[in-house]
Amino acid sequence: MRRARQAARRRRFVAVLVGAAALTAATLGTAWADQTPAPTPAPRVALPAPAPASAAAPDLGALTGGGVHPGVQMRTAGAQCTANFVYTGGGKTYLGQAAHCSGTGAADETDGCTAASLPLGTPVEISGASKPGKLAYDSWLAMQGAHEKDPDACAYNDLALVEIDPADVAAVTSSVPFFGGPVGIDTDGTTPGERVVSYGNSELRGGVPVLSPKIGTSLGDEGHGWSHTVATVTPGIPGDSGSAFLSADGRALGVLSTLNFTPAPGTNSIGDLAKMLGYARAHGAPGDLTVVNGGPFLGASGL
């Protein structure tokens, strides 16, 4: 019953574009390809105001240049998601995305312990790379292989690693566009009101980079720390799935996983990266797997 209730209020939102109708629906803030009737609206959540603009705002053009980096678009069997962080382990380099980006079930199949997925080795197109990467780790497949029973892990463990072809490793940079960082991994979760930042790259935004950086606040943790509910300006939309979230001090906090319809419509849930990495190391990923730091954290001063 617990998982059924979660599925009723949470939807994965991999963007498989279906023309102008999808763009119009996303712009209006309605359910995109998911035709589930809208629930009764819950009380509105006050969204944070943008931070004051800085006279020395980062150059968006420079921070979203070519190559392979957090925030590039990734495509798995036609489904477009956004890369989160760069990882290394076992002598290889990886780019992260959400595990549900390679899922083959319906949008409301949010239980990673039962939802169907594409196999490891599946090719993944990476913007800026000369060759496709390949799916090297998938938390949903790992949990199913381990016969995982923890309901929180099943609901929120949503991380996949795509191995970057050796021919493209030299083109990889690890800084999150616009914000910089990460400068480490956040290990203590969030508290209500804590500021967070993110960079999504849904093609629904039409390639306009100024629409990609987002700033917001945490509404608190759930699932015993496996997930954090966040409200951002603007919220994550289809195609932002898997994108990186950074804490107020620039640490890698989590991965965008779901859009929430209740109890706070328009908020997002992000999987806790520290917990997901711990699970990965114990279930098939390299034991030395870690996030690659991205240099100085610029914060939200440019918004």
Protein backbone atom coordinates (compact mmCIF):
# COMPACT_ATOMS: atom_id res chain seq x y z
CA MET A 1 0.00 0.00 0.00
CA ARG A 2 2.83 2.40 0.84
CA ARG A 3 4.36 2.01 -2.60
CA ALA A 4 0.98 2.33 -4.26
CA ARG A 5 0.38 5.64 -2.51
CA GLN A 6 3.82 6.85 -3.57
CA ALA A 7 3.12 5.92 -7.17
CA ALA A 8 -0.16 7.79 -7.08
CA ARG A 9 1.46 11.04 -6.04
CA ARG A 10 4.79 10.84 -7.89
CA ARG A 11 5.53 10.54 -11.59
CA ARG A 12 8.81 10.00 -13.38
CA PHE A 13 9.20 12.51 -16.16
CA VAL A 14 11.61 11.37 -18.83
CA ALA A 15 10.98 13.58 -21.87
CA VAL A 16 10.17 11.71 -25.04
CA LEU A 17 8.93 14.63 -27.08
CA VAL A 18 5.74 14.22 -29.04
CA GLY A 19 5.58 17.54 -30.84
CA ALA A 20 4.04 20.89 -30.09
CA ALA A 21 1.33 19.42 -27.88
CA ALA A 22 3.93 18.32 -25.35
CA LEU A 23 5.62 21.72 -25.38
CA THR A 24 2.32 23.50 -24.89
CA ALA A 25 1.34 21.25 -22.02
CA ALA A 26 4.69 21.74 -20.30
CA THR A 27 4.48 25.49 -20.73
CA LEU A 28 1.05 25.53 -19.11
CA GLY A 29 2.24 23.39 -16.22
CA THR A 30 -0.18 20.51 -16.83
CA ALA A 31 0.60 16.80 -16.89
CA TRP A 32 2.70 16.23 -20.01
CA ALA A 33 2.34 12.77 -21.55
CA ASP A 34 0.75 11.45 -18.38
CA GLN A 35 -3.01 11.58 -18.82
CA THR A 36 -3.84 10.81 -15.19
CA PRO A 37 -6.58 13.23 -14.02
CA ALA A 38 -5.17 16.10 -11.99
CA PRO A 39 -5.65 15.65 -8.21
CA THR A 40 -7.41 18.17 -6.04
CA PRO A 41 -4.92 21.02 -5.53
CA ALA A 42 -3.03 20.96 -2.27
CA PRO A 43 -2.09 24.13 -0.36
CA ARG A 44 0.31 26.26 -2.36
CA VAL A 45 3.96 26.34 -1.43
CA ALA A 46 5.72 29.69 -1.28
CA LEU A 47 8.63 29.59 -3.72
CA PRO A 48 11.89 31.36 -2.84
CA ALA A 49 12.68 34.67 -4.46
CA PRO A 50 15.76 34.74 -6.68
CA ALA A 51 18.93 35.99 -5.08
CA PRO A 52 19.88 39.58 -5.94
CA ALA A 53 21.76 39.85 -9.20
CA SER A 54 25.49 40.34 -9.06
CA ALA A 55 27.33 42.90 -11.12
CA ALA A 56 29.84 40.17 -11.98
CA ALA A 57 27.38 37.48 -13.01
CA PRO A 58 28.94 34.37 -14.60
CA ASP A 59 29.06 34.24 -18.39
CA LEU A 60 26.38 31.72 -19.35
CA GLY A 61 27.84 31.22 -22.78
CA ALA A 62 31.25 30.31 -21.40
CA LEU A 63 29.81 28.00 -18.76
CA THR A 64 27.70 26.02 -21.22
CA GLY A 65 30.36 25.49 -23.85
CA GLY A 66 31.19 22.32 -25.75
CA GLY A 67 32.50 19.03 -24.52
CA VAL A 68 31.06 16.57 -22.01
CA HIS A 69 30.04 17.96 -18.64
CA PRO A 70 27.24 18.00 -16.07
CA GLY A 71 24.08 19.39 -17.64
CA VAL A 72 24.51 17.96 -21.14
CA GLN A 73 21.60 16.11 -22.70
CA MET A 74 21.67 12.31 -22.68
CA ARG A 75 19.44 9.99 -24.70
CA THR A 76 18.66 6.40 -23.86
CA ALA A 77 16.50 4.64 -26.45
CA GLY A 78 15.03 8.02 -27.39
CA ALA A 79 14.37 9.26 -23.85
CA GLN A 80 16.08 12.60 -23.13
CA CYS A 81 17.47 13.30 -19.65
CA THR A 82 20.06 15.65 -18.15
CA ALA A 83 23.48 14.55 -16.90
CA ASN A 84 24.21 15.23 -13.22
CA PHE A 85 27.84 14.77 -12.15
CA VAL A 86 31.09 13.28 -13.46
CA TYR A 87 32.30 10.18 -11.61
CA THR A 88 35.44 8.06 -11.63
CA GLY A 89 36.03 4.55 -10.39
CA GLY A 90 37.95 1.46 -11.41
CA GLY A 91 40.06 3.53 -13.78
CA LYS A 92 37.03 4.64 -15.83
CA THR A 93 35.10 7.87 -16.22
CA TYR A 94 31.31 8.04 -15.99
CA LEU A 95 28.52 10.54 -16.42
CA GLY A 96 25.51 10.18 -14.16
CA GLN A 97 21.84 10.14 -15.06
CA ALA A 98 18.67 8.95 -13.32
CA ALA A 99 18.06 5.21 -13.38
CA HIS A 100 14.51 5.79 -14.55
CA CYS A 101 15.90 7.30 -17.76
CA SER A 102 16.51 3.73 -18.93
CA GLY A 103 13.23 2.40 -17.56
CA THR A 104 10.85 0.74 -19.98
CA GLY A 105 7.62 0.91 -17.97
CA ALA A 106 4.93 3.54 -17.55
CA ALA A 107 5.58 6.93 -15.98
CA ASP A 108 3.92 5.89 -12.73
CA GLU A 109 6.14 2.83 -12.26
CA THR A 110 8.32 4.43 -9.61
CA ASP A 111 9.36 1.36 -7.59
CA GLY A 112 12.91 0.62 -8.68
CA CYS A 113 12.72 -2.86 -7.18
CA THR A 114 10.04 -3.95 -9.65
CA ALA A 115 10.09 -1.57 -12.64
CA ALA A 116 11.50 -2.91 -15.91
CA SER A 117 14.70 -1.38 -17.33
CA LEU A 118 17.02 -1.67 -20.30
CA PRO A 119 20.06 -3.90 -19.70
CA LEU A 120 23.58 -2.88 -18.82
CA GLY A 121 25.59 -2.19 -21.94
CA THR A 122 22.74 -0.23 -23.56
CA PRO A 123 24.22 2.62 -25.65
CA VAL A 124 23.53 6.15 -24.43
CA GLU A 125 23.98 9.20 -26.65
CA ILE A 126 25.80 12.05 -24.90
CA SER A 127 25.76 15.60 -26.23
CA GLY A 128 29.31 16.79 -26.86
CA ALA A 129 30.72 13.26 -27.15
CA SER A 130 31.95 11.78 -30.42
CA LYS A 131 30.79 8.28 -29.49
CA PRO A 132 27.91 6.89 -27.41
CA GLY A 133 28.56 5.88 -23.84
CA LYS A 134 27.21 2.66 -22.39
CA LEU A 135 25.06 1.96 -19.36
CA ALA A 136 27.48 0.59 -16.76
CA TYR A 137 25.45 0.70 -13.53
CA ASP A 138 21.75 1.07 -12.86
CA SER A 139 20.36 1.22 -9.33
CA TRP A 140 17.05 -0.31 -10.39
CA LEU A 141 18.79 -3.32 -11.92
CA ALA A 142 21.13 -3.55 -8.92
CA MET A 143 18.25 -3.57 -6.43
CA GLN A 144 16.37 -6.20 -8.40
CA GLY A 145 19.50 -8.34 -8.58
CA ALA A 146 19.97 -8.00 -4.82
CA HIS A 147 16.26 -8.67 -4.08
CA GLU A 148 16.19 -5.42 -2.16
CA LYS A 149 13.41 -5.15 0.44
CA ASP A 150 14.01 -1.69 1.92
CA PRO A 151 10.95 0.31 0.78
CA ASP A 152 12.84 3.62 0.95
CA ALA A 153 15.64 2.37 -1.28
CA CYS A 154 13.09 0.90 -3.69
CA ALA A 155 11.23 4.21 -3.88
CA TYR A 156 14.12 6.67 -4.09
CA ASN A 157 17.36 4.98 -5.24
CA ASP A 158 17.47 6.44 -8.78
CA LEU A 159 21.04 6.60 -10.10
CA ALA A 160 22.63 5.26 -13.27
CA LEU A 161 26.20 5.58 -14.50
CA VAL A 162 27.10 5.83 -18.16
CA GLU A 163 30.68 4.90 -19.02
CA ILE A 164 32.23 7.49 -21.30
CA ASP A 165 34.06 6.12 -24.31
CA PRO A 166 37.86 6.45 -23.89
CA ALA A 167 37.95 8.59 -27.05
CA ASP A 168 35.92 11.28 -25.26
CA VAL A 169 37.46 11.27 -21.78
CA ALA A 170 39.81 14.12 -22.67
CA ALA A 171 36.79 16.29 -23.50
CA VAL A 172 35.21 15.83 -20.06
CA THR A 173 34.98 18.69 -17.57
CA SER A 174 33.32 18.27 -14.19
CA SER A 175 32.00 21.74 -13.33
CA VAL A 176 28.23 22.25 -13.13
CA PRO A 177 27.29 24.98 -15.65
CA PHE A 178 26.57 28.46 -14.28
CA PHE A 179 27.04 27.52 -10.61
CA GLY A 180 30.39 25.74 -10.56
CA GLY A 181 31.18 22.96 -8.13
CA PRO A 182 30.67 20.39 -6.84
CA VAL A 183 33.21 20.83 -4.05
CA GLY A 184 32.49 17.51 -2.35
CA ILE A 185 29.53 15.31 -1.45
CA ASP A 186 26.78 16.41 0.94
CA THR A 187 26.35 13.75 3.63
CA ASP A 188 23.93 15.31 6.12
CA GLY A 189 20.80 15.86 4.02
CA THR A 190 18.76 19.04 4.12
CA THR A 191 16.60 21.00 6.52
CA PRO A 192 13.45 22.94 5.58
CA GLY A 193 14.41 26.31 4.14
CA GLU A 194 17.93 25.29 3.13
CA ARG A 195 18.89 26.73 -0.24
CA VAL A 196 19.63 24.46 -3.20
CA VAL A 197 20.62 25.07 -6.83
CA SER A 198 20.32 22.98 -9.97
CA TYR A 199 20.90 23.04 -13.71
CA GLY A 200 18.38 21.30 -15.98
CA ASN A 201 18.69 20.98 -19.74
CA SER A 202 15.31 19.86 -21.04
CA GLU A 203 14.92 20.40 -24.78
CA LEU A 204 11.45 21.74 -23.97
CA ARG A 205 13.28 25.00 -23.17
CA GLY A 206 14.27 25.30 -26.82
CA GLY A 207 18.00 25.53 -26.15
CA VAL A 208 17.77 28.84 -24.25
CA PRO A 209 20.55 28.49 -21.61
CA VAL A 210 19.28 31.27 -19.33
CA LEU A 211 16.23 29.08 -18.53
CA SER A 212 18.33 26.17 -17.27
CA PRO A 213 19.80 27.34 -13.92
CA LYS A 214 17.38 27.01 -11.01
CA ILE A 215 17.46 28.14 -7.41
CA GLY A 216 15.19 26.98 -4.63
CA THR A 217 14.77 25.68 -1.11
CA SER A 218 14.40 22.32 0.52
CA LEU A 219 11.08 21.43 2.11
CA GLY A 220 12.76 18.69 4.12
CA ASP A 221 13.76 15.06 3.81
CA GLU A 222 11.68 11.92 3.40
CA GLY A 223 12.28 8.21 3.20
CA HIS A 224 14.70 8.29 6.14
CA GLY A 225 17.02 10.62 4.22
CA TRP A 226 16.83 8.83 0.88
CA SER A 227 15.00 11.76 -0.73
CA HIS A 228 14.66 15.55 -0.41
CA THR A 229 11.63 17.55 -1.51
CA VAL A 230 12.57 20.85 -3.16
CA ALA A 231 10.75 23.86 -4.59
CA THR A 232 12.67 25.72 -7.29
CA VAL A 233 12.20 28.65 -9.62
CA THR A 234 11.41 27.18 -12.10
CA PRO A 235 10.49 23.58 -11.24
CA GLY A 236 12.05 20.66 -13.05
CA ILE A 237 10.21 19.66 -16.22
CA PRO A 238 10.40 16.65 -18.56
CA GLY A 239 13.97 16.28 -19.80
CA ASP A 240 15.47 17.69 -16.58
CA SER A 241 15.33 14.19 -15.06
CA GLY A 242 18.63 13.17 -13.55
CA SER A 243 20.02 16.70 -13.28
CA ALA A 244 22.38 17.70 -10.49
CA PHE A 245 21.36 19.42 -7.26
CA LEU A 246 23.93 21.23 -5.14
CA SER A 247 23.65 22.28 -1.51
CA ALA A 248 24.06 25.87 -0.37
CA ASP A 249 27.81 25.32 0.05
CA GLY A 250 28.27 23.70 -3.35
CA ARG A 251 28.33 20.03 -2.40
CA ALA A 252 26.76 17.35 -4.57
CA LEU A 253 23.41 16.79 -2.88
CA GLY A 254 21.23 14.74 -5.18
CA VAL A 255 19.70 13.79 -8.50
CA LEU A 256 16.36 15.07 -9.81
CA SER A 257 13.97 12.14 -9.80
CA THR A 258 10.27 12.99 -9.71
CA LEU A 259 7.62 15.65 -10.09
CA ASN A 260 5.20 15.73 -7.16
CA PHE A 261 1.46 16.29 -7.61
CA THR A 262 0.60 16.04 -3.89
CA PRO A 263 0.87 17.21 -1.18
CA ALA A 264 2.81 20.13 -2.73
CA PRO A 265 2.08 20.37 -6.47
CA GLY A 266 4.96 21.54 -8.64
CA THR A 267 7.70 20.46 -6.25
CA ASN A 268 10.38 17.91 -7.11
CA SER A 269 11.94 15.02 -5.25
CA ILE A 270 15.66 14.40 -5.52
CA GLY A 271 17.44 11.20 -4.56
CA ASP A 272 20.17 11.58 -1.93
CA LEU A 273 23.49 11.15 -3.74
CA ALA A 274 25.52 10.01 -0.73
CA LYS A 275 23.10 7.14 -0.06
CA MET A 276 22.86 6.20 -3.73
CA LEU A 277 26.66 6.16 -4.09
CA GLY A 278 26.99 3.97 -1.01
CA TYR A 279 24.51 1.53 -2.46
CA ALA A 280 26.28 1.55 -5.82
CA ARG A 281 29.67 0.74 -4.30
CA ALA A 282 28.16 -2.24 -2.49
CA HIS A 283 26.20 -3.53 -5.48
CA GLY A 284 28.32 -3.74 -8.59
CA ALA A 285 29.86 -0.30 -9.11
CA PRO A 286 33.59 0.19 -8.48
CA GLY A 287 34.47 0.30 -4.81
CA ASP A 288 36.40 3.53 -5.31
CA LEU A 289 33.52 5.25 -7.12
CA THR A 290 33.41 8.97 -6.35
CA VAL A 291 32.20 12.31 -7.67
CA VAL A 292 34.80 14.43 -9.44
CA ASN A 293 35.00 17.92 -7.97
CA GLY A 294 34.23 20.75 -10.36
CA GLY A 295 36.25 23.63 -9.01
CA PRO A 296 35.08 26.79 -7.21
CA PHE A 297 31.39 27.06 -6.36
CA LEU A 298 29.99 30.30 -7.75
CA GLY A 299 26.69 30.02 -5.92
CA ALA A 300 23.51 31.74 -7.05
CA SER A 301 24.87 35.27 -7.27
CA GLY A 302 24.19 35.51 -10.98
CA LEU A 303 20.47 34.86 -10.80
